[in-house]
Amino acid sequence: SWRTELLDRTWQKLREHEVETGQPYYQVLRYRSDNPRENSEQMAAALSAQMDPPRDFTAVAFRKTLQRARETYAKLLIEEVAASLGTDSPHEIEEELAALQLLPFCQPFIQKQSNSERR
């Protein structure tokens, strides 16, 4: 139930992020999550028709927005875990993510962030 609570909180944070920035990350990631069998062309067409405000997505634009949405979701999930643990320790956060079986979703973002910090 704790895992579900964290995921729900993160979805809410992503929705708030969308409202604040105008980037349709919540809508794109939610659609992808709810329609895993559709290809990017199908998702782009379907989502373009139902978005509010309307938006004309190409398959390429949909995939790029989905990538950014996943990164933002991972970042927000890491922030939620850090806040719940009361620490910014990368090791402790990764341990908690692993224990909750959420590390695979965050690993690409963690690696990307780690590579940026090394430069």
N, C-alpha and C. Protein backbone atom coordinates (compact mmCIF):
# COMPACT_ATOMS: atom_id res chain seq x y z
N SER A 1 0.82 -1.20 0.00
CA SER A 1 0.00 0.00 0.00
C SER A 1 0.86 1.27 0.00
N TRP A 2 2.06 1.20 0.61
CA TRP A 2 2.94 2.36 0.60
C TRP A 2 3.40 2.68 -0.82
N ARG A 3 3.70 1.64 -1.59
CA ARG A 3 4.11 1.82 -2.98
C ARG A 3 3.00 2.52 -3.77
N THR A 4 1.78 2.04 -3.60
CA THR A 4 0.63 2.64 -4.29
C THR A 4 0.45 4.10 -3.88
N GLU A 5 0.62 4.38 -2.60
CA GLU A 5 0.50 5.75 -2.11
C GLU A 5 1.55 6.66 -2.77
N LEU A 6 2.78 6.19 -2.84
CA LEU A 6 3.84 6.99 -3.48
C LEU A 6 3.54 7.24 -4.96
N LEU A 7 3.08 6.20 -5.65
CA LEU A 7 2.76 6.35 -7.07
C LEU A 7 1.60 7.32 -7.26
N ASP A 8 0.58 7.22 -6.42
CA ASP A 8 -0.56 8.14 -6.51
C ASP A 8 -0.13 9.58 -6.26
N ARG A 9 0.70 9.78 -5.26
CA ARG A 9 1.21 11.13 -4.97
C ARG A 9 2.00 11.68 -6.15
N THR A 10 2.78 10.81 -6.76
CA THR A 10 3.61 11.24 -7.89
C THR A 10 2.74 11.58 -9.09
N TRP A 11 1.71 10.80 -9.35
CA TRP A 11 0.78 11.15 -10.43
C TRP A 11 0.15 12.52 -10.16
N GLN A 12 -0.23 12.77 -8.92
CA GLN A 12 -0.82 14.07 -8.58
C GLN A 12 0.19 15.20 -8.80
N LYS A 13 1.43 14.98 -8.40
CA LYS A 13 2.48 15.99 -8.61
C LYS A 13 2.70 16.24 -10.10
N LEU A 14 2.64 15.17 -10.90
CA LEU A 14 2.80 15.34 -12.34
C LEU A 14 1.64 16.14 -12.93
N ARG A 15 0.44 15.89 -12.43
CA ARG A 15 -0.72 16.68 -12.88
C ARG A 15 -0.54 18.15 -12.51
N GLU A 16 -0.07 18.41 -11.30
CA GLU A 16 0.18 19.79 -10.88
C GLU A 16 1.26 20.44 -11.73
N HIS A 17 2.30 19.67 -12.04
CA HIS A 17 3.38 20.16 -12.90
C HIS A 17 2.82 20.57 -14.27
N GLU A 18 1.91 19.76 -14.79
CA GLU A 18 1.30 20.07 -16.09
C GLU A 18 0.52 21.38 -16.04
N VAL A 19 -0.25 21.56 -14.98
CA VAL A 19 -1.03 22.78 -14.82
C VAL A 19 -0.10 23.99 -14.73
N GLU A 20 0.98 23.86 -13.98
CA GLU A 20 1.92 24.97 -13.78
C GLU A 20 2.71 25.32 -15.04
N THR A 21 3.11 24.30 -15.80
CA THR A 21 4.01 24.53 -16.93
C THR A 21 3.32 24.53 -18.29
N GLY A 22 2.15 23.92 -18.37
CA GLY A 22 1.49 23.80 -19.66
C GLY A 22 2.00 22.63 -20.50
N GLN A 23 3.00 21.93 -19.99
CA GLN A 23 3.52 20.75 -20.68
C GLN A 23 2.58 19.57 -20.40
N PRO A 24 2.10 18.87 -21.43
CA PRO A 24 1.08 17.83 -21.23
C PRO A 24 1.64 16.50 -20.76
N TYR A 25 2.59 16.53 -19.84
CA TYR A 25 3.24 15.31 -19.39
C TYR A 25 2.28 14.34 -18.72
N TYR A 26 1.40 14.86 -17.89
CA TYR A 26 0.44 13.98 -17.21
C TYR A 26 -0.45 13.28 -18.23
N GLN A 27 -1.03 14.07 -19.15
CA GLN A 27 -1.94 13.49 -20.13
C GLN A 27 -1.26 12.45 -21.01
N VAL A 28 -0.04 12.74 -21.43
CA VAL A 28 0.70 11.82 -22.31
C VAL A 28 1.06 10.54 -21.57
N LEU A 29 1.63 10.67 -20.38
CA LEU A 29 2.05 9.49 -19.63
C LEU A 29 0.86 8.66 -19.17
N ARG A 30 -0.21 9.32 -18.76
CA ARG A 30 -1.42 8.61 -18.34
C ARG A 30 -2.01 7.85 -19.52
N TYR A 31 -2.06 8.50 -20.69
CA TYR A 31 -2.60 7.83 -21.87
C TYR A 31 -1.76 6.61 -22.22
N ARG A 32 -0.45 6.78 -22.19
CA ARG A 32 0.45 5.66 -22.50
C ARG A 32 0.26 4.52 -21.50
N SER A 33 0.13 4.87 -20.24
CA SER A 33 -0.06 3.88 -19.19
C SER A 33 -1.38 3.13 -19.36
N ASP A 34 -2.41 3.82 -19.78
CA ASP A 34 -3.73 3.23 -19.95
C ASP A 34 -3.90 2.48 -21.27
N ASN A 35 -3.00 2.72 -22.24
CA ASN A 35 -3.12 2.14 -23.58
C ASN A 35 -1.79 1.55 -24.03
N PRO A 36 -1.27 0.57 -23.32
CA PRO A 36 0.08 0.08 -23.60
C PRO A 36 0.25 -0.64 -24.94
N ARG A 37 -0.82 -1.08 -25.54
CA ARG A 37 -0.72 -1.82 -26.80
C ARG A 37 -0.71 -0.92 -28.03
N GLU A 38 -1.04 0.35 -27.88
CA GLU A 38 -1.08 1.25 -29.02
C GLU A 38 0.33 1.69 -29.40
N ASN A 39 0.56 1.90 -30.69
CA ASN A 39 1.85 2.43 -31.12
C ASN A 39 1.82 3.95 -31.05
N SER A 40 2.95 4.58 -31.28
CA SER A 40 3.04 6.03 -31.09
C SER A 40 2.15 6.80 -32.06
N GLU A 41 1.96 6.29 -33.28
CA GLU A 41 1.07 6.96 -34.23
C GLU A 41 -0.37 6.95 -33.72
N GLN A 42 -0.81 5.80 -33.21
CA GLN A 42 -2.17 5.68 -32.68
C GLN A 42 -2.35 6.58 -31.46
N MET A 43 -1.36 6.56 -30.57
CA MET A 43 -1.46 7.38 -29.36
C MET A 43 -1.47 8.86 -29.70
N ALA A 44 -0.63 9.27 -30.64
CA ALA A 44 -0.57 10.68 -31.03
C ALA A 44 -1.91 11.14 -31.59
N ALA A 45 -2.50 10.34 -32.46
CA ALA A 45 -3.79 10.70 -33.05
C ALA A 45 -4.89 10.75 -32.01
N ALA A 46 -4.97 9.73 -31.18
CA ALA A 46 -6.02 9.67 -30.17
C ALA A 46 -5.88 10.79 -29.14
N LEU A 47 -4.67 11.01 -28.69
CA LEU A 47 -4.46 12.04 -27.67
C LEU A 47 -4.67 13.44 -28.23
N SER A 48 -4.28 13.66 -29.48
CA SER A 48 -4.51 14.96 -30.12
C SER A 48 -6.00 15.30 -30.12
N ALA A 49 -6.83 14.30 -30.36
CA ALA A 49 -8.27 14.52 -30.44
C ALA A 49 -8.91 14.78 -29.08
N GLN A 50 -8.32 14.30 -28.01
CA GLN A 50 -8.97 14.43 -26.70
C GLN A 50 -8.29 15.41 -25.77
N MET A 51 -7.18 16.01 -26.18
CA MET A 51 -6.47 16.92 -25.27
C MET A 51 -7.23 18.22 -25.06
N ASP A 52 -7.05 18.75 -23.87
CA ASP A 52 -7.63 20.04 -23.53
C ASP A 52 -6.53 20.88 -22.91
N PRO A 53 -6.04 21.91 -23.56
CA PRO A 53 -6.47 22.42 -24.86
C PRO A 53 -6.01 21.51 -26.00
N PRO A 54 -6.71 21.59 -27.14
CA PRO A 54 -6.37 20.74 -28.28
C PRO A 54 -4.91 20.94 -28.70
N ARG A 55 -4.32 19.84 -29.15
CA ARG A 55 -2.91 19.87 -29.57
C ARG A 55 -2.74 18.85 -30.69
N ASP A 56 -2.00 19.21 -31.69
CA ASP A 56 -1.79 18.31 -32.82
C ASP A 56 -0.44 17.64 -32.65
N PHE A 57 -0.45 16.39 -32.19
CA PHE A 57 0.78 15.63 -31.97
C PHE A 57 1.14 14.82 -33.21
N THR A 58 2.40 14.86 -33.58
CA THR A 58 2.92 13.87 -34.52
C THR A 58 3.43 12.71 -33.67
N ALA A 59 3.70 11.58 -34.31
CA ALA A 59 4.23 10.43 -33.57
C ALA A 59 5.58 10.78 -32.95
N VAL A 60 6.41 11.53 -33.68
CA VAL A 60 7.73 11.92 -33.17
C VAL A 60 7.58 12.84 -31.96
N ALA A 61 6.69 13.82 -32.06
CA ALA A 61 6.47 14.74 -30.95
C ALA A 61 5.89 14.00 -29.74
N PHE A 62 5.02 13.04 -30.00
CA PHE A 62 4.46 12.25 -28.90
C PHE A 62 5.56 11.49 -28.18
N ARG A 63 6.44 10.82 -28.93
CA ARG A 63 7.52 10.04 -28.31
C ARG A 63 8.45 10.93 -27.50
N LYS A 64 8.77 12.11 -28.01
CA LYS A 64 9.67 13.02 -27.28
C LYS A 64 8.99 13.52 -26.01
N THR A 65 7.71 13.86 -26.11
CA THR A 65 6.97 14.32 -24.93
C THR A 65 6.85 13.19 -23.92
N LEU A 66 6.65 11.96 -24.39
CA LEU A 66 6.59 10.81 -23.50
C LEU A 66 7.91 10.61 -22.77
N GLN A 67 9.00 10.76 -23.48
CA GLN A 67 10.33 10.65 -22.84
C GLN A 67 10.49 11.69 -21.74
N ARG A 68 10.13 12.91 -22.04
CA ARG A 68 10.23 13.98 -21.03
C ARG A 68 9.28 13.75 -19.87
N ALA A 69 8.10 13.21 -20.17
CA ALA A 69 7.13 12.92 -19.12
C ALA A 69 7.66 11.83 -18.18
N ARG A 70 8.27 10.82 -18.75
CA ARG A 70 8.85 9.75 -17.92
C ARG A 70 9.97 10.28 -17.03
N GLU A 71 10.81 11.13 -17.59
CA GLU A 71 11.89 11.72 -16.79
C GLU A 71 11.34 12.58 -15.66
N THR A 72 10.33 13.36 -15.97
CA THR A 72 9.72 14.22 -14.95
C THR A 72 9.05 13.39 -13.88
N TYR A 73 8.36 12.33 -14.29
CA TYR A 73 7.72 11.44 -13.32
C TYR A 73 8.76 10.80 -12.41
N ALA A 74 9.86 10.33 -12.99
CA ALA A 74 10.93 9.72 -12.19
C ALA A 74 11.49 10.72 -11.19
N LYS A 75 11.74 11.94 -11.66
CA LYS A 75 12.27 12.99 -10.78
C LYS A 75 11.29 13.25 -9.62
N LEU A 76 10.02 13.36 -9.93
CA LEU A 76 9.02 13.61 -8.90
C LEU A 76 8.89 12.43 -7.93
N LEU A 77 9.01 11.22 -8.45
CA LEU A 77 8.96 10.03 -7.59
C LEU A 77 10.15 10.00 -6.64
N ILE A 78 11.32 10.32 -7.14
CA ILE A 78 12.51 10.39 -6.29
C ILE A 78 12.33 11.45 -5.21
N GLU A 79 11.77 12.59 -5.58
CA GLU A 79 11.51 13.64 -4.59
C GLU A 79 10.52 13.17 -3.53
N GLU A 80 9.50 12.44 -3.93
CA GLU A 80 8.52 11.92 -2.97
C GLU A 80 9.17 10.93 -2.01
N VAL A 81 10.01 10.06 -2.54
CA VAL A 81 10.70 9.08 -1.68
C VAL A 81 11.63 9.81 -0.73
N ALA A 82 12.38 10.78 -1.23
CA ALA A 82 13.30 11.55 -0.38
C ALA A 82 12.54 12.26 0.74
N ALA A 83 11.41 12.86 0.40
CA ALA A 83 10.61 13.55 1.42
C ALA A 83 10.06 12.57 2.45
N SER A 84 9.63 11.40 1.99
CA SER A 84 9.08 10.42 2.93
C SER A 84 10.15 9.87 3.86
N LEU A 85 11.38 9.74 3.35
CA LEU A 85 12.49 9.25 4.18
C LEU A 85 13.11 10.35 5.02
N GLY A 86 12.90 11.59 4.62
CA GLY A 86 13.52 12.71 5.32
C GLY A 86 15.01 12.79 5.06
N THR A 87 15.44 12.41 3.85
CA THR A 87 16.86 12.43 3.51
C THR A 87 17.05 12.73 2.04
N ASP A 88 18.22 13.26 1.71
CA ASP A 88 18.61 13.46 0.32
C ASP A 88 19.71 12.48 -0.08
N SER A 89 19.98 11.50 0.75
CA SER A 89 21.03 10.52 0.49
C SER A 89 20.66 9.67 -0.73
N PRO A 90 21.43 9.78 -1.82
CA PRO A 90 21.13 8.98 -3.01
C PRO A 90 21.11 7.48 -2.71
N HIS A 91 22.00 7.03 -1.84
CA HIS A 91 22.06 5.60 -1.50
C HIS A 91 20.77 5.15 -0.81
N GLU A 92 20.31 5.90 0.17
CA GLU A 92 19.09 5.54 0.89
C GLU A 92 17.86 5.60 -0.02
N ILE A 93 17.83 6.60 -0.88
CA ILE A 93 16.71 6.74 -1.82
C ILE A 93 16.68 5.56 -2.78
N GLU A 94 17.84 5.19 -3.32
CA GLU A 94 17.90 4.04 -4.22
C GLU A 94 17.52 2.75 -3.51
N GLU A 95 17.94 2.60 -2.27
CA GLU A 95 17.56 1.40 -1.51
C GLU A 95 16.05 1.32 -1.33
N GLU A 96 15.42 2.45 -1.02
CA GLU A 96 13.97 2.47 -0.84
C GLU A 96 13.26 2.18 -2.17
N LEU A 97 13.74 2.79 -3.23
CA LEU A 97 13.16 2.52 -4.56
C LEU A 97 13.29 1.05 -4.92
N ALA A 98 14.43 0.47 -4.62
CA ALA A 98 14.64 -0.95 -4.90
C ALA A 98 13.70 -1.81 -4.05
N ALA A 99 13.56 -1.49 -2.78
CA ALA A 99 12.68 -2.25 -1.89
C ALA A 99 11.23 -2.19 -2.36
N LEU A 100 10.85 -1.07 -2.96
CA LEU A 100 9.48 -0.89 -3.45
C LEU A 100 9.31 -1.37 -4.89
N GLN A 101 10.39 -1.92 -5.46
CA GLN A 101 10.42 -2.37 -6.85
C GLN A 101 10.11 -1.24 -7.83
N LEU A 102 10.62 -0.04 -7.52
CA LEU A 102 10.43 1.13 -8.36
C LEU A 102 11.73 1.62 -8.98
N LEU A 103 12.83 1.04 -8.58
CA LEU A 103 14.13 1.49 -9.08
C LEU A 103 14.24 1.38 -10.60
N PRO A 104 13.75 0.31 -11.24
CA PRO A 104 13.87 0.24 -12.70
C PRO A 104 13.22 1.42 -13.43
N PHE A 105 12.17 1.98 -12.86
CA PHE A 105 11.51 3.13 -13.49
C PHE A 105 12.34 4.40 -13.35
N CYS A 106 13.13 4.48 -12.31
CA CYS A 106 13.91 5.68 -12.03
C CYS A 106 15.36 5.58 -12.48
N GLN A 107 15.83 4.38 -12.72
CA GLN A 107 17.25 4.16 -13.03
C GLN A 107 17.74 5.01 -14.21
N PRO A 108 17.02 5.08 -15.32
CA PRO A 108 17.52 5.92 -16.43
C PRO A 108 17.70 7.38 -16.02
N PHE A 109 16.76 7.90 -15.24
CA PHE A 109 16.87 9.29 -14.78
C PHE A 109 18.04 9.45 -13.82
N ILE A 110 18.22 8.49 -12.92
CA ILE A 110 19.32 8.55 -11.95
C ILE A 110 20.65 8.52 -12.68
N GLN A 111 20.78 7.65 -13.67
CA GLN A 111 22.02 7.56 -14.44
C GLN A 111 22.28 8.84 -15.23
N LYS A 112 21.24 9.38 -15.84
CA LYS A 112 21.37 10.61 -16.61
C LYS A 112 21.81 11.76 -15.70
N GLN A 113 21.19 11.84 -14.53
CA GLN A 113 21.52 12.88 -13.56
C GLN A 113 22.95 12.71 -13.06
N SER A 114 23.34 11.48 -12.80
CA SER A 114 24.68 11.17 -12.33
C SER A 114 25.73 11.56 -13.37
N ASN A 115 25.45 11.26 -14.64
CA ASN A 115 26.37 11.62 -15.71
C ASN A 115 26.50 13.14 -15.85
N SER A 116 25.41 13.86 -15.67
CA SER A 116 25.45 15.32 -15.75
C SER A 116 26.25 15.93 -14.63
N GLU A 117 26.16 15.34 -13.44
CA GLU A 117 26.90 15.86 -12.28
C GLU A 117 28.40 15.61 -12.40
N ARG A 118 28.79 14.57 -13.13
CA ARG A 118 30.22 14.26 -13.28
C ARG A 118 30.92 15.22 -14.21
N ARG A 119 30.17 15.85 -15.08
CA ARG A 119 30.78 16.77 -16.06
C ARG A 119 31.22 18.04 -15.47
